[in-house]
Amino acid sequence: MWHKKDTLKLKESLYLEEKWHLSQIKIDGNNIGTVTKNESHPPHNIGAYRCYKNAKLGYALFANDDKKLYIIK
């Protein structure tokens, strides 16, 4: 994710379950499986990262969890 001239890079431990195609994650038009945050059961599915940017604002909003919201200045 980028904001202004900076780039935000996240490092998260993810697990790809190729047997289950529950996500909308596609590469070259093929659903690659379900990406989860860890190997716990039941797994915590990741649909997408959420980001809101507006050129009129001096900040961006970012979330990688439904309980956390980050302000990027």
Protein backbone atom coordinates (compact mmCIF):
# COMPACT_ATOMS: atom_id res chain seq x y z
CA MET A 1 0.00 0.00 0.00
CA TRP A 2 1.33 3.44 -0.75
CA HIS A 3 0.45 6.93 0.52
CA LYS A 4 1.95 10.09 -0.93
CA LYS A 5 5.58 9.14 -1.65
CA ASP A 6 5.83 6.45 1.04
CA THR A 7 5.15 2.73 0.81
CA LEU A 8 3.73 0.66 3.65
CA LYS A 9 4.98 -2.92 3.70
CA LEU A 10 3.38 -5.49 5.97
CA LYS A 11 4.84 -8.79 7.03
CA GLU A 12 2.22 -11.26 8.18
CA SER A 13 2.35 -15.00 8.65
CA LEU A 14 -0.14 -16.41 6.13
CA TYR A 15 -1.17 -19.91 5.15
CA LEU A 16 -2.61 -20.91 1.76
CA GLU A 17 -5.17 -23.71 1.84
CA GLU A 18 -5.33 -24.88 -1.77
CA LYS A 19 -8.14 -27.40 -1.13
CA TRP A 20 -10.68 -24.69 -0.19
CA HIS A 21 -11.58 -22.03 -2.74
CA LEU A 22 -13.62 -19.74 -0.48
CA SER A 23 -11.80 -16.47 -1.23
CA GLN A 24 -11.93 -14.08 -4.18
CA ILE A 25 -8.14 -14.13 -4.55
CA LYS A 26 -7.31 -14.82 -8.19
CA ILE A 27 -4.00 -15.04 -10.02
CA ASP A 28 -4.12 -15.24 -13.82
CA GLY A 29 -7.90 -15.72 -13.56
CA ASN A 30 -7.64 -18.79 -11.31
CA ASN A 31 -8.83 -18.91 -7.71
CA ILE A 32 -5.68 -20.00 -5.84
CA GLY A 33 -7.42 -21.12 -2.65
CA THR A 34 -8.17 -19.56 0.71
CA VAL A 35 -5.55 -17.46 2.48
CA THR A 36 -5.71 -17.60 6.27
CA LYS A 37 -3.82 -15.72 8.96
CA ASN A 38 -2.52 -18.91 10.54
CA GLU A 39 -3.02 -22.65 10.67
CA SER A 40 -5.45 -22.49 13.61
CA HIS A 41 -8.82 -24.17 13.27
CA PRO A 42 -11.19 -22.67 12.48
CA PRO A 43 -8.93 -20.53 10.31
CA HIS A 44 -9.21 -16.75 10.18
CA ASN A 45 -9.87 -15.97 6.53
CA ILE A 46 -8.39 -12.89 4.90
CA GLY A 47 -10.54 -11.37 2.18
CA ALA A 48 -8.47 -8.27 1.50
CA TYR A 49 -6.69 -5.40 3.11
CA ARG A 50 -8.83 -2.33 3.50
CA CYS A 51 -7.51 1.11 2.61
CA TYR A 52 -9.12 4.53 2.16
CA LYS A 53 -7.28 7.41 0.52
CA ASN A 54 -8.51 10.80 -0.59
CA ALA A 55 -6.32 13.45 -2.23
CA LYS A 56 -7.98 16.19 -0.13
CA LEU A 57 -6.99 14.53 3.15
CA GLY A 58 -3.52 14.63 4.70
CA TYR A 59 -3.77 11.03 5.81
CA ALA A 60 -4.94 7.58 4.72
CA LEU A 61 -6.86 4.93 6.67
CA PHE A 62 -5.71 1.32 6.64
CA ALA A 63 -6.95 -1.89 8.27
CA ASN A 64 -5.58 -5.43 8.19
CA ASP A 65 -7.90 -6.62 10.95
CA ASP A 66 -11.56 -5.86 11.65
CA LYS A 67 -10.64 -4.58 15.13
CA LYS A 68 -7.71 -2.32 14.14
CA LEU A 69 -7.69 0.91 12.13
CA TYR A 70 -4.45 2.74 11.36
CA ILE A 71 -4.00 6.38 10.36
CA ILE A 72 -1.09 6.91 7.97
CA LYS A 73 0.21 10.49 7.80
